[in-house]
Amino acid sequence: MIEPIQIIAILFASFAWSRALFRFKDRKINSSEFVFWSSVWFGVIVISLMPKFIGYFSTYLGIKRPIDSIIYASIIIIFYVVFRIYVKLENFEQQLTKLTREMAIKEKKK
């Protein structure tokens, strides 16, 4: 029997995936980002539908409690997302600095 928390997780993951799909269609995220988020939300749905899979996976990795493997995976995903945000922010700062310099040079020439 499916538990209420499983239904909530599936509904939330479906909603989050639909947001990613809309962002992809609007070209707000690229295909690799869409694949990443699709994998994350599909994984949440699979885990929600087959919670025993995490138990087998945890045992294989030598983790005693299945919830610990979910927490470890979540932390790894969070670190990856933070890293991607950091890289994009650095790129944005470099572009902003370059644009500011170019505008200053043009202003100086006038």
Protein backbone atom coordinates (compact mmCIF):
# COMPACT_ATOMS: atom_id res chain seq x y z
CA MET A 1 0.00 0.00 0.00
CA ILE A 2 1.23 3.45 -0.85
CA GLU A 3 1.77 5.79 2.09
CA PRO A 4 0.69 9.45 2.18
CA ILE A 5 4.31 10.64 2.29
CA GLN A 6 4.97 8.73 -0.91
CA ILE A 7 2.05 10.48 -2.60
CA ILE A 8 3.32 13.86 -1.39
CA ALA A 9 6.85 13.12 -2.63
CA ILE A 10 5.58 11.98 -6.04
CA LEU A 11 3.33 15.02 -6.43
CA PHE A 12 6.12 17.39 -5.39
CA ALA A 13 8.67 15.74 -7.70
CA SER A 14 6.20 15.84 -10.59
CA PHE A 15 5.52 19.53 -9.95
CA ALA A 16 9.24 20.32 -9.67
CA TRP A 17 9.95 18.42 -12.89
CA SER A 18 7.19 20.35 -14.68
CA ARG A 19 8.87 23.59 -13.55
CA ALA A 20 12.17 22.34 -15.00
CA LEU A 21 10.40 21.43 -18.24
CA PHE A 22 8.86 24.91 -18.52
CA ARG A 23 12.24 26.53 -17.81
CA PHE A 24 13.80 24.35 -20.51
CA LYS A 25 11.09 25.23 -23.04
CA ASP A 26 11.55 28.93 -22.20
CA ARG A 27 15.31 28.48 -22.69
CA LYS A 28 16.03 29.55 -19.11
CA ILE A 29 18.01 26.36 -18.53
CA ASN A 30 20.10 24.40 -21.00
CA SER A 31 19.73 20.73 -21.92
CA SER A 32 22.36 19.48 -19.47
CA GLU A 33 20.66 21.30 -16.60
CA PHE A 34 17.31 19.88 -17.70
CA VAL A 35 18.75 16.36 -17.78
CA PHE A 36 20.27 16.87 -14.31
CA TRP A 37 16.99 18.08 -12.77
CA SER A 38 14.99 15.44 -14.61
CA SER A 39 17.29 12.79 -13.13
CA VAL A 40 16.93 14.22 -9.64
CA TRP A 41 13.13 14.37 -9.76
CA PHE A 42 12.82 11.01 -11.52
CA GLY A 43 15.04 9.57 -8.78
CA VAL A 44 12.73 10.98 -6.11
CA ILE A 45 9.75 9.36 -7.82
CA VAL A 46 11.52 5.99 -8.14
CA ILE A 47 12.61 6.08 -4.49
CA SER A 48 9.07 7.02 -3.46
CA LEU A 49 7.56 4.14 -5.41
CA MET A 50 10.23 1.58 -4.44
CA PRO A 51 11.59 2.52 -0.99
CA LYS A 52 13.12 -0.94 -0.51
CA PHE A 53 15.51 -0.16 -3.37
CA ILE A 54 17.28 2.31 -1.09
CA GLY A 55 17.65 -0.44 1.50
CA TYR A 56 19.41 -2.71 -1.00
CA PHE A 57 21.53 0.15 -2.29
CA SER A 58 22.50 1.17 1.25
CA THR A 59 23.46 -2.37 2.17
CA TYR A 60 25.59 -2.63 -0.96
CA LEU A 61 27.42 0.57 -0.01
CA GLY A 62 27.86 -0.55 3.58
CA ILE A 63 25.50 2.05 5.01
CA LYS A 64 23.39 0.63 7.81
CA ARG A 65 20.33 2.86 7.63
CA PRO A 66 18.66 3.63 4.28
CA ILE A 67 17.78 7.17 5.36
CA ASP A 68 21.51 7.86 5.80
CA SER A 69 22.18 7.05 2.15
CA ILE A 70 19.41 9.46 1.12
CA ILE A 71 20.93 12.17 3.31
CA TYR A 72 24.43 11.53 1.91
CA ALA A 73 23.15 11.67 -1.67
CA SER A 74 21.22 14.86 -0.90
CA ILE A 75 24.31 16.53 0.54
CA ILE A 76 26.34 15.55 -2.52
CA ILE A 77 23.65 16.98 -4.83
CA ILE A 78 23.49 20.19 -2.79
CA PHE A 79 27.26 20.62 -2.99
CA TYR A 80 27.14 20.08 -6.74
CA VAL A 81 24.37 22.64 -7.18
CA VAL A 82 26.23 25.17 -5.01
CA PHE A 83 29.36 24.59 -7.11
CA ARG A 84 27.41 25.19 -10.34
CA ILE A 85 25.94 28.39 -8.89
CA TYR A 86 29.42 29.52 -7.84
CA VAL A 87 30.81 28.91 -11.34
CA LYS A 88 27.94 30.82 -12.95
CA LEU A 89 28.34 33.69 -10.50
CA GLU A 90 32.07 33.91 -11.19
CA ASN A 91 31.39 33.94 -14.93
CA PHE A 92 28.77 36.65 -14.47
CA GLU A 93 31.19 38.76 -12.40
CA GLN A 94 33.88 38.44 -15.07
CA GLN A 95 31.45 39.49 -17.80
CA LEU A 96 30.26 42.42 -15.69
CA THR A 97 33.84 43.55 -15.05
CA LYS A 98 34.67 43.33 -18.75
CA LEU A 99 31.56 45.30 -19.70
CA THR A 100 32.28 47.95 -17.07
CA ARG A 101 35.84 48.36 -18.35
CA GLU A 102 34.66 48.66 -21.95
CA MET A 103 32.08 51.27 -20.99
CA ALA A 104 34.68 53.21 -18.99
CA ILE A 105 37.10 53.19 -21.93
CA LYS A 106 34.36 54.41 -24.29
CA GLU A 107 33.38 57.14 -21.84
CA LYS A 108 37.00 58.22 -21.46
CA LYS A 109 37.41 58.52 -25.26
CA LYS A 110 34.42 60.88 -25.50
